[in-house]
Amino acid sequence: MLDQNFTNKIQFKASESLALPVKDAPIAIHHYLRQPKRLVKAIADPKLMEPLSDCRFRLKMRSLNFMDIYHLQPTVILGVWSDSKGTIFLRSEDCEIRGIDYINDRFALTLKGKLVPRNKEGKTHLEGQANLMVEVDLPPPLLLSPKPLLQLTGNGLLKGVLSRIKQRLLNQLLQDYYHWVDAQLDSTNEQQLPAFNHHYRESPVKSIS
């Protein structure tokens, strides 16, 4: 966590939005979104994620290369929960930079995200917004570097983190949702349900953001 006694602080920020059309399926997506564990698996490599409870997870982020001087791999505790309408909320609770004590003692990471299912003109869309902020006290090797250059580099790194999360969501979330729908149908008496023939899985879905 960031030590407030240090004064050479610099702040990096990035944000990312998402708008994703969802094909109709026999089970509405808001039912799927009430399961935070499935969302976390969709946004992060399961090998890098450790469940701590039903709504808390330890996520080891991929290594970040800053100015070819520091190679950082933050470990973040994430809280992920949903409401009755299927809106998913995500918020970082703690962060640790293992192996680099100087940075770890002077580093703070804040991640906030939201994913909302909305109905527009009879069609369902997922709308998401994520904001990532890092505040760090500059180590001595970077004190003489131009601050605009540092901010440009840091902001770019954070944008890359959010872009990878977005891309994984685009590739994984709906695929997992449709698999989940199939599993739910297989666990019931499918003969008593309308014959949808899985038309909702005929073609890939693209982001409209």
N, C-alpha and C. Protein backbone atom coordinates (compact mmCIF):
# COMPACT_ATOMS: atom_id res chain seq x y z
N MET A 1 0.85 -1.20 0.00
CA MET A 1 0.00 0.00 0.00
C MET A 1 0.88 1.25 0.00
N LEU A 2 0.34 2.31 -0.55
CA LEU A 2 1.13 3.52 -0.70
C LEU A 2 1.38 4.21 0.63
N ASP A 3 2.63 4.54 0.89
CA ASP A 3 3.01 5.28 2.10
C ASP A 3 2.78 6.76 1.84
N GLN A 4 1.87 7.36 2.57
CA GLN A 4 1.50 8.75 2.34
C GLN A 4 2.61 9.75 2.72
N ASN A 5 3.69 9.25 3.34
CA ASN A 5 4.77 10.16 3.72
C ASN A 5 5.69 10.49 2.55
N PHE A 6 5.58 9.79 1.45
CA PHE A 6 6.43 10.05 0.31
C PHE A 6 5.75 11.08 -0.59
N THR A 7 6.57 11.90 -1.26
CA THR A 7 6.03 13.05 -1.97
C THR A 7 6.25 13.00 -3.47
N ASN A 8 7.12 12.12 -3.97
CA ASN A 8 7.39 12.06 -5.40
C ASN A 8 6.37 11.17 -6.10
N LYS A 9 5.11 11.46 -5.87
CA LYS A 9 4.06 10.60 -6.37
C LYS A 9 3.72 10.94 -7.82
N ILE A 10 3.33 9.92 -8.56
CA ILE A 10 2.82 10.10 -9.91
C ILE A 10 1.61 9.19 -10.05
N GLN A 11 0.65 9.64 -10.83
CA GLN A 11 -0.60 8.89 -10.96
C GLN A 11 -0.83 8.53 -12.43
N PHE A 12 -1.21 7.29 -12.64
CA PHE A 12 -1.54 6.81 -13.97
C PHE A 12 -3.01 6.39 -13.99
N LYS A 13 -3.68 6.63 -15.13
CA LYS A 13 -5.09 6.29 -15.24
C LYS A 13 -5.40 5.72 -16.61
N ALA A 14 -6.43 4.87 -16.65
CA ALA A 14 -6.95 4.37 -17.92
C ALA A 14 -8.38 3.93 -17.71
N SER A 15 -9.15 3.97 -18.77
CA SER A 15 -10.53 3.49 -18.71
C SER A 15 -10.86 2.75 -20.00
N GLU A 16 -11.86 1.89 -19.93
CA GLU A 16 -12.27 1.11 -21.09
C GLU A 16 -13.77 0.86 -20.99
N SER A 17 -14.46 0.94 -22.12
CA SER A 17 -15.89 0.67 -22.15
C SER A 17 -16.18 -0.51 -23.06
N LEU A 18 -17.37 -1.06 -22.89
CA LEU A 18 -17.75 -2.25 -23.63
C LEU A 18 -19.23 -2.20 -23.94
N ALA A 19 -19.59 -2.53 -25.18
CA ALA A 19 -20.99 -2.69 -25.57
C ALA A 19 -21.07 -3.95 -26.41
N LEU A 20 -21.81 -4.92 -25.93
CA LEU A 20 -21.79 -6.25 -26.54
C LEU A 20 -23.20 -6.77 -26.75
N PRO A 21 -23.62 -7.01 -28.00
CA PRO A 21 -24.95 -7.57 -28.24
C PRO A 21 -25.00 -9.04 -27.85
N VAL A 22 -26.13 -9.47 -27.32
CA VAL A 22 -26.30 -10.85 -26.85
C VAL A 22 -27.45 -11.49 -27.60
N LYS A 23 -27.19 -12.61 -28.26
CA LYS A 23 -28.26 -13.34 -28.92
C LYS A 23 -29.23 -13.91 -27.89
N ASP A 24 -30.49 -13.95 -28.25
CA ASP A 24 -31.50 -14.52 -27.35
C ASP A 24 -31.20 -16.00 -27.11
N ALA A 25 -31.40 -16.42 -25.87
CA ALA A 25 -31.20 -17.81 -25.49
C ALA A 25 -32.34 -18.22 -24.57
N PRO A 26 -32.56 -19.52 -24.38
CA PRO A 26 -33.67 -19.97 -23.54
C PRO A 26 -33.62 -19.46 -22.11
N ILE A 27 -32.43 -19.15 -21.61
CA ILE A 27 -32.28 -18.61 -20.25
C ILE A 27 -31.63 -17.23 -20.36
N ALA A 28 -32.28 -16.21 -19.84
CA ALA A 28 -31.77 -14.84 -19.96
C ALA A 28 -30.41 -14.70 -19.30
N ILE A 29 -29.58 -13.82 -19.87
CA ILE A 29 -28.20 -13.71 -19.42
C ILE A 29 -28.09 -13.16 -18.00
N HIS A 30 -29.10 -12.43 -17.52
CA HIS A 30 -28.97 -11.88 -16.17
C HIS A 30 -28.93 -12.99 -15.12
N HIS A 31 -29.49 -14.16 -15.44
CA HIS A 31 -29.39 -15.30 -14.52
C HIS A 31 -27.93 -15.79 -14.46
N TYR A 32 -27.29 -15.83 -15.61
CA TYR A 32 -25.88 -16.23 -15.68
C TYR A 32 -24.99 -15.24 -14.92
N LEU A 33 -25.29 -13.96 -15.05
CA LEU A 33 -24.44 -12.93 -14.46
C LEU A 33 -24.54 -12.87 -12.94
N ARG A 34 -25.48 -13.60 -12.36
CA ARG A 34 -25.57 -13.63 -10.89
C ARG A 34 -24.51 -14.53 -10.28
N GLN A 35 -23.63 -15.08 -11.08
CA GLN A 35 -22.58 -15.99 -10.60
C GLN A 35 -21.22 -15.34 -10.82
N PRO A 36 -20.72 -14.57 -9.86
CA PRO A 36 -19.46 -13.84 -10.04
C PRO A 36 -18.28 -14.72 -10.44
N LYS A 37 -18.26 -15.97 -9.96
CA LYS A 37 -17.13 -16.85 -10.29
C LYS A 37 -16.98 -17.04 -11.78
N ARG A 38 -18.10 -17.13 -12.47
CA ARG A 38 -18.03 -17.36 -13.91
C ARG A 38 -17.48 -16.13 -14.63
N LEU A 39 -17.84 -14.94 -14.16
CA LEU A 39 -17.32 -13.73 -14.78
C LEU A 39 -15.82 -13.63 -14.59
N VAL A 40 -15.33 -13.94 -13.40
CA VAL A 40 -13.90 -13.85 -13.13
C VAL A 40 -13.14 -14.81 -14.04
N LYS A 41 -13.69 -16.00 -14.25
CA LYS A 41 -13.04 -16.96 -15.15
C LYS A 41 -13.02 -16.44 -16.59
N ALA A 42 -14.01 -15.62 -16.93
CA ALA A 42 -14.07 -15.08 -18.28
C ALA A 42 -13.08 -13.94 -18.50
N ILE A 43 -12.71 -13.22 -17.44
CA ILE A 43 -11.82 -12.07 -17.62
C ILE A 43 -10.38 -12.37 -17.27
N ALA A 44 -10.10 -13.52 -16.64
CA ALA A 44 -8.74 -13.81 -16.20
C ALA A 44 -8.39 -15.26 -16.47
N ASP A 45 -7.14 -15.49 -16.75
CA ASP A 45 -6.63 -16.85 -16.91
C ASP A 45 -6.82 -17.59 -15.59
N PRO A 46 -7.54 -18.72 -15.59
CA PRO A 46 -7.76 -19.46 -14.33
C PRO A 46 -6.47 -19.84 -13.62
N LYS A 47 -5.37 -19.97 -14.35
CA LYS A 47 -4.08 -20.31 -13.73
C LYS A 47 -3.55 -19.16 -12.87
N LEU A 48 -4.04 -17.95 -13.13
CA LEU A 48 -3.56 -16.78 -12.40
C LEU A 48 -4.55 -16.33 -11.33
N MET A 49 -5.64 -17.07 -11.16
CA MET A 49 -6.71 -16.65 -10.26
C MET A 49 -6.94 -17.69 -9.16
N GLU A 50 -7.04 -17.21 -7.92
CA GLU A 50 -7.28 -18.08 -6.77
C GLU A 50 -8.55 -17.61 -6.04
N PRO A 51 -9.60 -18.42 -6.00
CA PRO A 51 -10.80 -18.03 -5.25
C PRO A 51 -10.51 -17.98 -3.75
N LEU A 52 -10.93 -16.91 -3.10
CA LEU A 52 -10.80 -16.78 -1.65
C LEU A 52 -12.15 -17.01 -0.97
N SER A 53 -13.22 -16.71 -1.70
CA SER A 53 -14.58 -16.97 -1.24
C SER A 53 -15.46 -16.89 -2.48
N ASP A 54 -16.78 -16.89 -2.29
CA ASP A 54 -17.68 -16.81 -3.44
C ASP A 54 -17.58 -15.47 -4.17
N CYS A 55 -17.10 -14.43 -3.48
CA CYS A 55 -17.07 -13.11 -4.11
C CYS A 55 -15.73 -12.39 -3.95
N ARG A 56 -14.69 -13.10 -3.51
CA ARG A 56 -13.35 -12.51 -3.39
C ARG A 56 -12.34 -13.43 -4.06
N PHE A 57 -11.41 -12.81 -4.81
CA PHE A 57 -10.46 -13.57 -5.59
C PHE A 57 -9.09 -12.90 -5.53
N ARG A 58 -8.06 -13.74 -5.53
CA ARG A 58 -6.68 -13.24 -5.63
C ARG A 58 -6.23 -13.44 -7.07
N LEU A 59 -5.92 -12.35 -7.75
CA LEU A 59 -5.55 -12.40 -9.15
C LEU A 59 -4.11 -11.93 -9.34
N LYS A 60 -3.30 -12.77 -9.92
CA LYS A 60 -1.93 -12.40 -10.27
C LYS A 60 -1.96 -11.85 -11.69
N MET A 61 -1.74 -10.54 -11.81
CA MET A 61 -1.78 -9.92 -13.13
C MET A 61 -0.52 -10.27 -13.92
N ARG A 62 -0.60 -10.13 -15.23
CA ARG A 62 0.57 -10.40 -16.06
C ARG A 62 1.62 -9.32 -15.82
N SER A 63 2.86 -9.70 -16.03
CA SER A 63 3.99 -8.81 -15.75
C SER A 63 3.92 -7.53 -16.58
N LEU A 64 4.23 -6.41 -15.95
CA LEU A 64 4.27 -5.11 -16.60
C LEU A 64 5.71 -4.64 -16.70
N ASN A 65 6.11 -4.22 -17.88
CA ASN A 65 7.47 -3.73 -18.10
C ASN A 65 7.41 -2.20 -18.17
N PHE A 66 7.97 -1.54 -17.14
CA PHE A 66 7.93 -0.08 -17.09
C PHE A 66 9.30 0.50 -17.40
N MET A 67 9.39 1.18 -18.54
CA MET A 67 10.61 1.88 -18.97
C MET A 67 11.82 0.95 -19.09
N ASP A 68 11.58 -0.33 -19.27
CA ASP A 68 12.66 -1.32 -19.36
C ASP A 68 13.54 -1.32 -18.10
N ILE A 69 13.01 -0.81 -17.01
CA ILE A 69 13.76 -0.78 -15.74
C ILE A 69 13.10 -1.69 -14.72
N TYR A 70 11.78 -1.60 -14.63
CA TYR A 70 11.06 -2.38 -13.63
C TYR A 70 10.09 -3.35 -14.31
N HIS A 71 10.13 -4.56 -13.86
CA HIS A 71 9.21 -5.59 -14.33
C HIS A 71 8.32 -5.96 -13.14
N LEU A 72 7.10 -5.48 -13.16
CA LEU A 72 6.20 -5.61 -12.03
C LEU A 72 5.10 -6.61 -12.32
N GLN A 73 4.75 -7.40 -11.32
CA GLN A 73 3.62 -8.33 -11.44
C GLN A 73 2.72 -8.13 -10.22
N PRO A 74 1.76 -7.21 -10.33
CA PRO A 74 0.87 -6.97 -9.19
C PRO A 74 -0.01 -8.18 -8.89
N THR A 75 -0.23 -8.42 -7.62
CA THR A 75 -1.20 -9.41 -7.16
C THR A 75 -2.35 -8.64 -6.50
N VAL A 76 -3.55 -8.78 -7.04
CA VAL A 76 -4.68 -7.95 -6.63
C VAL A 76 -5.76 -8.82 -6.00
N ILE A 77 -6.31 -8.33 -4.89
CA ILE A 77 -7.50 -8.95 -4.30
C ILE A 77 -8.72 -8.25 -4.88
N LEU A 78 -9.58 -9.01 -5.55
CA LEU A 78 -10.76 -8.45 -6.19
C LEU A 78 -12.03 -8.88 -5.47
N GLY A 79 -12.91 -7.92 -5.26
CA GLY A 79 -14.26 -8.23 -4.82
C GLY A 79 -15.18 -8.16 -6.02
N VAL A 80 -15.95 -9.21 -6.25
CA VAL A 80 -16.86 -9.28 -7.40
C VAL A 80 -18.23 -9.73 -6.90
N TRP A 81 -19.25 -8.97 -7.19
CA TRP A 81 -20.59 -9.33 -6.72
C TRP A 81 -21.63 -8.86 -7.73
N SER A 82 -22.85 -9.35 -7.58
CA SER A 82 -23.92 -8.99 -8.50
C SER A 82 -25.18 -8.66 -7.72
N ASP A 83 -26.09 -7.93 -8.39
CA ASP A 83 -27.38 -7.65 -7.76
C ASP A 83 -28.47 -8.52 -8.40
N SER A 84 -29.70 -8.33 -7.98
CA SER A 84 -30.78 -9.19 -8.44
C SER A 84 -31.08 -9.03 -9.92
N LYS A 85 -30.66 -7.93 -10.53
CA LYS A 85 -30.91 -7.70 -11.95
C LYS A 85 -29.78 -8.23 -12.83
N GLY A 86 -28.76 -8.80 -12.20
CA GLY A 86 -27.65 -9.35 -12.97
C GLY A 86 -26.52 -8.38 -13.22
N THR A 87 -26.59 -7.17 -12.66
CA THR A 87 -25.48 -6.22 -12.80
C THR A 87 -24.30 -6.71 -11.99
N ILE A 88 -23.14 -6.76 -12.62
CA ILE A 88 -21.91 -7.22 -11.98
C ILE A 88 -21.06 -6.01 -11.57
N PHE A 89 -20.57 -6.03 -10.34
CA PHE A 89 -19.68 -4.99 -9.84
C PHE A 89 -18.32 -5.62 -9.50
N LEU A 90 -17.28 -4.91 -9.80
CA LEU A 90 -15.92 -5.39 -9.52
C LEU A 90 -15.12 -4.25 -8.89
N ARG A 91 -14.40 -4.57 -7.82
CA ARG A 91 -13.59 -3.54 -7.16
C ARG A 91 -12.37 -4.18 -6.51
N SER A 92 -11.22 -3.56 -6.69
CA SER A 92 -10.01 -4.03 -6.03
C SER A 92 -10.06 -3.69 -4.56
N GLU A 93 -9.58 -4.61 -3.72
CA GLU A 93 -9.57 -4.40 -2.28
C GLU A 93 -8.15 -4.22 -1.74
N ASP A 94 -7.18 -4.79 -2.42
CA ASP A 94 -5.79 -4.70 -1.97
C ASP A 94 -4.89 -5.05 -3.14
N CYS A 95 -3.64 -4.65 -3.05
CA CYS A 95 -2.68 -4.96 -4.10
C CYS A 95 -1.29 -5.11 -3.50
N GLU A 96 -0.51 -6.02 -4.08
CA GLU A 96 0.83 -6.29 -3.60
C GLU A 96 1.78 -6.49 -4.78
N ILE A 97 2.95 -5.88 -4.70
CA ILE A 97 4.01 -6.10 -5.68
C ILE A 97 5.05 -6.98 -5.01
N ARG A 98 5.04 -8.24 -5.31
CA ARG A 98 5.93 -9.17 -4.63
C ARG A 98 7.34 -9.11 -5.22
N GLY A 99 8.31 -9.15 -4.35
CA GLY A 99 9.71 -9.22 -4.78
C GLY A 99 10.39 -7.88 -4.94
N ILE A 100 9.63 -6.77 -4.93
CA ILE A 100 10.24 -5.43 -5.05
C ILE A 100 9.68 -4.59 -3.92
N ASP A 101 10.30 -4.68 -2.77
CA ASP A 101 9.76 -4.03 -1.57
C ASP A 101 9.66 -2.51 -1.73
N TYR A 102 10.65 -1.90 -2.39
CA TYR A 102 10.65 -0.44 -2.52
C TYR A 102 9.38 0.02 -3.23
N ILE A 103 9.05 -0.65 -4.34
CA ILE A 103 7.84 -0.29 -5.09
C ILE A 103 6.59 -0.67 -4.30
N ASN A 104 6.60 -1.86 -3.71
CA ASN A 104 5.42 -2.34 -2.99
C ASN A 104 4.99 -1.38 -1.89
N ASP A 105 5.96 -0.80 -1.19
CA ASP A 105 5.65 0.12 -0.08
C ASP A 105 5.15 1.47 -0.56
N ARG A 106 5.28 1.74 -1.85
CA ARG A 106 4.95 3.07 -2.39
C ARG A 106 3.98 2.97 -3.57
N PHE A 107 3.15 1.95 -3.57
CA PHE A 107 2.33 1.63 -4.73
C PHE A 107 0.88 1.41 -4.30
N ALA A 108 -0.06 1.99 -5.03
CA ALA A 108 -1.48 1.76 -4.77
C ALA A 108 -2.20 1.57 -6.09
N LEU A 109 -3.04 0.55 -6.17
CA LEU A 109 -3.79 0.26 -7.39
C LEU A 109 -5.27 0.23 -7.06
N THR A 110 -6.07 0.89 -7.89
CA THR A 110 -7.52 0.89 -7.72
C THR A 110 -8.17 0.49 -9.03
N LEU A 111 -8.96 -0.57 -8.99
CA LEU A 111 -9.69 -1.04 -10.16
C LEU A 111 -11.18 -1.09 -9.82
N LYS A 112 -11.99 -0.44 -10.64
CA LYS A 112 -13.44 -0.47 -10.48
C LYS A 112 -14.08 -0.81 -11.82
N GLY A 113 -15.06 -1.70 -11.77
CA GLY A 113 -15.72 -2.08 -13.01
C GLY A 113 -17.18 -2.40 -12.79
N LYS A 114 -17.94 -2.35 -13.88
CA LYS A 114 -19.38 -2.61 -13.83
C LYS A 114 -19.81 -3.18 -15.17
N LEU A 115 -20.65 -4.20 -15.12
CA LEU A 115 -21.19 -4.81 -16.34
C LEU A 115 -22.70 -4.95 -16.17
N VAL A 116 -23.45 -4.32 -17.09
CA VAL A 116 -24.91 -4.21 -16.93
C VAL A 116 -25.62 -4.81 -18.14
N PRO A 117 -26.57 -5.73 -17.93
CA PRO A 117 -27.41 -6.19 -19.05
C PRO A 117 -28.55 -5.20 -19.28
N ARG A 118 -28.70 -4.75 -20.52
CA ARG A 118 -29.76 -3.79 -20.83
C ARG A 118 -30.58 -4.30 -22.03
N ASN A 119 -31.85 -3.95 -22.01
CA ASN A 119 -32.73 -4.31 -23.11
C ASN A 119 -33.03 -3.06 -23.94
N LYS A 120 -32.68 -3.12 -25.22
CA LYS A 120 -32.91 -2.00 -26.12
C LYS A 120 -33.68 -2.49 -27.34
N GLU A 121 -34.88 -1.97 -27.49
CA GLU A 121 -35.72 -2.32 -28.64
C GLU A 121 -35.87 -3.84 -28.76
N GLY A 122 -36.07 -4.48 -27.63
CA GLY A 122 -36.29 -5.92 -27.62
C GLY A 122 -35.05 -6.77 -27.73
N LYS A 123 -33.87 -6.14 -27.76
CA LYS A 123 -32.62 -6.87 -27.86
C LYS A 123 -31.76 -6.59 -26.62
N THR A 124 -31.05 -7.62 -26.19
CA THR A 124 -30.21 -7.50 -24.99
C THR A 124 -28.79 -7.12 -25.37
N HIS A 125 -28.23 -6.19 -24.60
CA HIS A 125 -26.84 -5.79 -24.74
C HIS A 125 -26.18 -5.79 -23.36
N LEU A 126 -24.91 -6.09 -23.34
CA LEU A 126 -24.11 -5.92 -22.14
C LEU A 126 -23.32 -4.63 -22.28
N GLU A 127 -23.42 -3.77 -21.29
CA GLU A 127 -22.66 -2.52 -21.30
C GLU A 127 -21.73 -2.51 -20.09
N GLY A 128 -20.47 -2.25 -20.35
CA GLY A 128 -19.49 -2.29 -19.28
C GLY A 128 -18.60 -1.06 -19.24
N GLN A 129 -18.06 -0.80 -18.08
CA GLN A 129 -17.12 0.30 -17.88
C GLN A 129 -16.11 -0.12 -16.83
N ALA A 130 -14.85 0.09 -17.11
CA ALA A 130 -13.79 -0.23 -16.14
C ALA A 130 -12.83 0.95 -16.04
N ASN A 131 -12.41 1.25 -14.82
CA ASN A 131 -11.45 2.33 -14.56
C ASN A 131 -10.32 1.77 -13.71
N LEU A 132 -9.11 2.04 -14.15
CA LEU A 132 -7.92 1.54 -13.46
C LEU A 132 -7.01 2.73 -13.14
N MET A 133 -6.57 2.82 -11.89
CA MET A 133 -5.68 3.90 -11.48
C MET A 133 -4.53 3.34 -10.64
N VAL A 134 -3.35 3.82 -10.90
CA VAL A 134 -2.18 3.45 -10.11
C VAL A 134 -1.50 4.73 -9.62
N GLU A 135 -1.19 4.75 -8.35
CA GLU A 135 -0.43 5.85 -7.77
C GLU A 135 0.84 5.26 -7.17
N VAL A 136 1.98 5.84 -7.52
CA VAL A 136 3.25 5.28 -7.06
C VAL A 136 4.22 6.41 -6.74
N ASP A 137 5.04 6.19 -5.74
CA ASP A 137 6.11 7.13 -5.43
C ASP A 137 7.32 6.75 -6.27
N LEU A 138 7.80 7.69 -7.08
CA LEU A 138 8.86 7.38 -8.03
C LEU A 138 10.14 6.92 -7.34
N PRO A 139 10.71 5.82 -7.79
CA PRO A 139 12.02 5.38 -7.28
C PRO A 139 13.11 6.29 -7.83
N PRO A 140 14.26 6.37 -7.15
CA PRO A 140 15.34 7.28 -7.55
C PRO A 140 15.74 7.19 -9.02
N PRO A 141 15.83 6.00 -9.64
CA PRO A 141 16.24 5.96 -11.06
C PRO A 141 15.32 6.71 -12.01
N LEU A 142 14.10 7.02 -11.57
CA LEU A 142 13.14 7.68 -12.46
C LEU A 142 12.89 9.14 -12.10
N LEU A 143 13.53 9.63 -11.07
CA LEU A 143 13.24 10.99 -10.62
C LEU A 143 13.61 12.04 -11.66
N LEU A 144 14.61 11.77 -12.48
CA LEU A 144 15.05 12.75 -13.48
C LEU A 144 14.37 12.57 -14.83
N SER A 145 13.55 11.56 -14.95
CA SER A 145 12.85 11.33 -16.22
C SER A 145 11.72 12.35 -16.37
N PRO A 146 11.47 12.84 -17.58
CA PRO A 146 10.37 13.80 -17.79
C PRO A 146 9.03 13.20 -17.36
N LYS A 147 8.31 13.94 -16.55
CA LYS A 147 7.05 13.43 -16.02
C LYS A 147 6.04 13.11 -17.13
N PRO A 148 5.92 13.96 -18.19
CA PRO A 148 4.97 13.62 -19.27
C PRO A 148 5.29 12.28 -19.92
N LEU A 149 6.58 11.96 -20.06
CA LEU A 149 6.97 10.68 -20.64
C LEU A 149 6.57 9.53 -19.72
N LEU A 150 6.80 9.72 -18.41
CA LEU A 150 6.43 8.68 -17.45
C LEU A 150 4.92 8.44 -17.46
N GLN A 151 4.16 9.53 -17.51
CA GLN A 151 2.71 9.38 -17.49
C GLN A 151 2.20 8.74 -18.77
N LEU A 152 2.78 9.12 -19.90
CA LEU A 152 2.39 8.51 -21.16
C LEU A 152 2.66 7.01 -21.14
N THR A 153 3.81 6.63 -20.61
CA THR A 153 4.17 5.21 -20.54
C THR A 153 3.26 4.47 -19.57
N GLY A 154 3.06 5.06 -18.39
CA GLY A 154 2.22 4.41 -17.38
C GLY A 154 0.77 4.29 -17.80
N ASN A 155 0.24 5.36 -18.39
CA ASN A 155 -1.14 5.31 -18.87
C ASN A 155 -1.30 4.24 -19.96
N GLY A 156 -0.29 4.14 -20.82
CA GLY A 156 -0.33 3.14 -21.88
C GLY A 156 -0.31 1.72 -21.33
N LEU A 157 0.48 1.50 -20.27
CA LEU A 157 0.50 0.18 -19.65
C LEU A 157 -0.86 -0.20 -19.08
N LEU A 158 -1.49 0.75 -18.39
CA LEU A 158 -2.80 0.48 -17.79
C LEU A 158 -3.85 0.27 -18.87
N LYS A 159 -3.78 1.04 -19.95
CA LYS A 159 -4.72 0.86 -21.05
C LYS A 159 -4.56 -0.53 -21.65
N GLY A 160 -3.31 -1.01 -21.72
CA GLY A 160 -3.08 -2.35 -22.22
C GLY A 160 -3.69 -3.42 -21.33
N VAL A 161 -3.62 -3.20 -20.01
CA VAL A 161 -4.22 -4.15 -19.06
C VAL A 161 -5.73 -4.23 -19.30
N LEU A 162 -6.38 -3.07 -19.38
CA LEU A 162 -7.83 -3.07 -19.57
C LEU A 162 -8.22 -3.60 -20.96
N SER A 163 -7.41 -3.32 -21.95
CA SER A 163 -7.71 -3.82 -23.30
C SER A 163 -7.65 -5.34 -23.35
N ARG A 164 -6.70 -5.93 -22.62
CA ARG A 164 -6.62 -7.39 -22.59
C ARG A 164 -7.83 -8.00 -21.87
N ILE A 165 -8.26 -7.33 -20.78
CA ILE A 165 -9.45 -7.81 -20.08
C ILE A 165 -10.67 -7.72 -21.00
N LYS A 166 -10.80 -6.60 -21.72
CA LYS A 166 -11.92 -6.43 -22.64
C LYS A 166 -11.90 -7.49 -23.72
N GLN A 167 -10.73 -7.74 -24.31
CA GLN A 167 -10.66 -8.72 -25.38
C GLN A 167 -11.01 -10.11 -24.89
N ARG A 168 -10.56 -10.42 -23.68
CA ARG A 168 -10.89 -11.73 -23.13
C ARG A 168 -12.40 -11.85 -22.88
N LEU A 169 -13.01 -10.76 -22.41
CA LEU A 169 -14.46 -10.77 -22.24
C LEU A 169 -15.17 -11.01 -23.57
N LEU A 170 -14.72 -10.33 -24.61
CA LEU A 170 -15.33 -10.49 -25.93
C LEU A 170 -15.22 -11.92 -26.42
N ASN A 171 -14.08 -12.56 -26.12
CA ASN A 171 -13.84 -13.91 -26.62
C ASN A 171 -14.44 -15.00 -25.75
N GLN A 172 -14.56 -14.74 -24.44
CA GLN A 172 -14.90 -15.80 -23.49
C GLN A 172 -16.29 -15.71 -22.87
N LEU A 173 -16.76 -14.50 -22.61
CA LEU A 173 -17.96 -14.37 -21.78
C LEU A 173 -19.19 -15.01 -22.42
N LEU A 174 -19.51 -14.62 -23.65
CA LEU A 174 -20.71 -15.16 -24.28
C LEU A 174 -20.56 -16.65 -24.59
N GLN A 175 -19.35 -17.05 -24.93
CA GLN A 175 -19.12 -18.48 -25.16
C GLN A 175 -19.42 -19.28 -23.90
N ASP A 176 -18.96 -18.77 -22.76
CA ASP A 176 -19.22 -19.45 -21.50
C ASP A 176 -20.71 -19.39 -21.15
N TYR A 177 -21.35 -18.28 -21.43
CA TYR A 177 -22.79 -18.14 -21.18
C TYR A 177 -23.58 -19.18 -21.96
N TYR A 178 -23.26 -19.36 -23.24
CA TYR A 178 -24.00 -20.32 -24.05
C TYR A 178 -23.73 -21.76 -23.59
N HIS A 179 -22.51 -22.04 -23.18
CA HIS A 179 -22.22 -23.37 -22.63
C HIS A 179 -23.03 -23.59 -21.35
N TRP A 180 -23.12 -22.55 -20.53
CA TRP A 180 -23.88 -22.65 -19.28
C TRP A 180 -25.36 -22.90 -19.58
N VAL A 181 -25.91 -22.20 -20.57
CA VAL A 181 -27.31 -22.43 -20.96
C VAL A 181 -27.51 -23.88 -21.38
N ASP A 182 -26.60 -24.40 -22.20
CA ASP A 182 -26.71 -25.79 -22.64
C ASP A 182 -26.70 -26.75 -21.45
N ALA A 183 -25.80 -26.46 -20.49
CA ALA A 183 -25.71 -27.34 -19.31
C ALA A 183 -27.00 -27.29 -18.49
N GLN A 184 -27.58 -26.10 -18.37
CA GLN A 184 -28.83 -25.98 -17.63
C GLN A 184 -29.96 -26.75 -18.33
N LEU A 185 -30.00 -26.67 -19.64
CA LEU A 185 -31.03 -27.39 -20.39
C LEU A 185 -30.82 -28.90 -20.29
N ASP A 186 -29.57 -29.34 -20.32
CA ASP A 186 -29.29 -30.77 -20.23
C ASP A 186 -29.66 -31.34 -18.86
N SER A 187 -29.67 -30.48 -17.84
CA SER A 187 -29.96 -30.96 -16.49
C SER A 187 -31.46 -30.98 -16.18
N THR A 188 -32.26 -30.53 -17.13
CA THR A 188 -33.72 -30.56 -16.96
C THR A 188 -34.33 -31.48 -18.01
N ASN A 189 -35.60 -31.59 -17.96
CA ASN A 189 -36.31 -32.40 -18.96
C ASN A 189 -36.46 -31.57 -20.22
N GLU A 190 -35.48 -31.68 -21.13
CA GLU A 190 -35.42 -30.82 -22.30
C GLU A 190 -36.64 -31.00 -23.21
N GLN A 191 -37.26 -32.18 -23.16
CA GLN A 191 -38.42 -32.42 -24.00
C GLN A 191 -39.61 -31.53 -23.64
N GLN A 192 -39.62 -31.02 -22.39
CA GLN A 192 -40.73 -30.18 -21.96
C GLN A 192 -40.49 -28.71 -22.23
N LEU A 193 -39.29 -28.39 -22.81
CA LEU A 193 -38.97 -26.99 -23.10
C LEU A 193 -39.18 -26.72 -24.59
N PRO A 194 -39.41 -25.48 -24.98
CA PRO A 194 -39.53 -25.16 -26.41
C PRO A 194 -38.28 -25.56 -27.17
N ALA A 195 -38.44 -25.93 -28.40
CA ALA A 195 -37.29 -26.37 -29.21
C ALA A 195 -36.63 -25.16 -29.84
N PHE A 196 -35.57 -24.68 -29.19
CA PHE A 196 -34.86 -23.50 -29.70
C PHE A 196 -33.77 -23.89 -30.71
N ASN A 197 -33.34 -25.16 -30.66
CA ASN A 197 -32.33 -25.66 -31.58
C ASN A 197 -31.03 -24.87 -31.52
N HIS A 198 -30.83 -24.15 -30.42
CA HIS A 198 -29.56 -23.45 -30.18
C HIS A 198 -29.22 -22.46 -31.30
N HIS A 199 -30.23 -21.77 -31.86
CA HIS A 199 -29.94 -20.78 -32.89
C HIS A 199 -29.08 -19.64 -32.35
N TYR A 200 -29.10 -19.44 -31.05
CA TYR A 200 -28.33 -18.35 -30.45
C TYR A 200 -26.83 -18.59 -30.53
N ARG A 201 -26.41 -19.78 -31.01
CA ARG A 201 -24.97 -20.08 -31.07
C ARG A 201 -24.49 -20.24 -32.50
N GLU A 202 -25.29 -19.81 -33.47
CA GLU A 202 -24.95 -20.08 -34.85
C GLU A 202 -23.77 -19.26 -35.35
N SER A 203 -23.58 -18.07 -34.84
CA SER A 203 -22.51 -17.23 -35.35
C SER A 203 -21.89 -16.46 -34.21
N PRO A 204 -20.59 -16.08 -34.33
CA PRO A 204 -19.93 -15.32 -33.26
C PRO A 204 -20.54 -13.94 -33.10
N VAL A 205 -20.44 -13.43 -31.89
CA VAL A 205 -20.99 -12.11 -31.59
C VAL A 205 -19.84 -11.12 -31.50
N LYS A 206 -20.01 -9.97 -32.11
CA LYS A 206 -18.95 -8.96 -32.11
C LYS A 206 -19.36 -7.78 -31.26
N SER A 207 -18.37 -7.14 -30.70
CA SER A 207 -18.63 -5.95 -29.91
C SER A 207 -19.14 -4.83 -30.81
N ILE A 208 -19.99 -3.99 -30.26
CA ILE A 208 -20.47 -2.83 -31.02
C ILE A 208 -19.93 -1.55 -30.43
N SER A 209 -18.93 -1.69 -29.53
CA SER A 209 -18.37 -0.48 -28.91
C SER A 209 -17.46 0.24 -29.88
